[in-house]
Amino acid sequence: MTSVPAPHPAPTALSRLKKIAPYLLLGPISGLLVAGAVFNFRDGRPIVASLYGIALVAFTILLPYVVAVLGLRLI
């Protein structure tokens, strides 16, 4: 009879927080986007990682640009 390995225990909220804590130094939103890109790339999901990268670029470059343009139109 072959033995079946025990399944991994479900991660707790504290263990998830410890995993992403270094990325939160970048910010509450951009840090999570960087963490999503890194973890998905490490897990072999480059397409999902690239989508996180696109969202990060949109958040860090395009969002301030759009806000500035809209703000200048109000003046």
Protein backbone atom coordinates (compact mmCIF):
# COMPACT_ATOMS: atom_id res chain seq x y z
CA MET A 1 0.00 0.00 0.00
CA THR A 2 1.39 3.42 -0.92
CA SER A 3 1.18 6.23 1.54
CA VAL A 4 -0.39 9.48 0.51
CA PRO A 5 1.37 12.60 1.79
CA ALA A 6 -0.62 14.75 4.15
CA PRO A 7 -2.03 17.92 2.58
CA HIS A 8 -0.47 21.23 3.50
CA PRO A 9 -2.25 23.03 6.31
CA ALA A 10 -4.27 26.06 5.28
CA PRO A 11 -2.28 29.27 5.65
CA THR A 12 -3.40 31.55 8.43
CA ALA A 13 -3.87 35.29 8.15
CA LEU A 14 -0.68 35.92 10.13
CA SER A 15 1.42 33.72 7.85
CA ARG A 16 0.03 35.51 4.79
CA LEU A 17 0.85 38.88 6.35
CA LYS A 18 4.41 37.75 7.11
CA LYS A 19 4.78 36.71 3.49
CA ILE A 20 3.77 40.08 2.04
CA ALA A 21 5.10 42.35 4.83
CA PRO A 22 8.31 43.37 2.98
CA TYR A 23 6.27 44.44 -0.03
CA LEU A 24 4.00 46.62 2.09
CA LEU A 25 6.96 48.97 2.58
CA LEU A 26 6.34 50.10 -1.00
CA GLY A 27 2.81 51.13 -0.12
CA PRO A 28 -0.56 49.61 0.62
CA ILE A 29 -1.57 49.29 -3.04
CA SER A 30 1.64 49.23 -5.07
CA GLY A 31 3.28 46.86 -2.58
CA LEU A 32 0.52 44.33 -3.04
CA LEU A 33 0.77 44.64 -6.82
CA VAL A 34 4.53 44.01 -6.69
CA ALA A 35 3.97 41.05 -4.37
CA GLY A 36 1.37 39.62 -6.74
CA ALA A 37 3.76 39.97 -9.67
CA VAL A 38 6.67 38.36 -7.81
CA PHE A 39 4.70 35.47 -6.33
CA ASN A 40 2.95 34.63 -9.58
CA PHE A 41 6.21 34.75 -11.53
CA ARG A 42 7.86 32.44 -8.97
CA ASP A 43 4.93 30.03 -9.14
CA GLY A 44 5.25 29.75 -12.91
CA ARG A 45 2.38 32.01 -13.95
CA PRO A 46 4.11 34.66 -16.08
CA ILE A 47 0.91 35.89 -17.74
CA VAL A 48 -0.78 36.66 -14.44
CA ALA A 49 2.47 38.24 -13.22
CA SER A 50 2.58 40.47 -16.29
CA LEU A 51 -1.01 41.55 -15.64
CA TYR A 52 0.04 42.59 -12.13
CA GLY A 53 2.93 44.48 -13.73
CA ILE A 54 0.60 46.29 -16.12
CA ALA A 55 -1.67 47.23 -13.23
CA LEU A 56 1.36 48.51 -11.30
CA VAL A 57 2.45 50.70 -14.22
CA ALA A 58 -1.07 52.01 -14.65
CA PHE A 59 -1.28 52.81 -10.95
CA THR A 60 2.11 54.50 -10.63
CA ILE A 61 2.23 56.43 -13.93
CA LEU A 62 -1.16 56.76 -15.54
CA LEU A 63 -3.27 57.48 -12.46
CA PRO A 64 -1.26 60.55 -11.35
CA TYR A 65 -1.22 61.79 -14.95
CA VAL A 66 -5.00 61.50 -15.27
CA VAL A 67 -5.54 63.22 -11.93
CA ALA A 68 -3.21 66.07 -12.95
CA VAL A 69 -4.96 66.56 -16.29
CA LEU A 70 -8.38 66.55 -14.69
CA GLY A 71 -7.17 68.91 -11.99
CA LEU A 72 -5.83 71.38 -14.53
CA ARG A 73 -9.15 71.38 -16.36
CA LEU A 74 -10.91 72.56 -13.20
CA ILE A 75 -8.78 75.71 -13.02
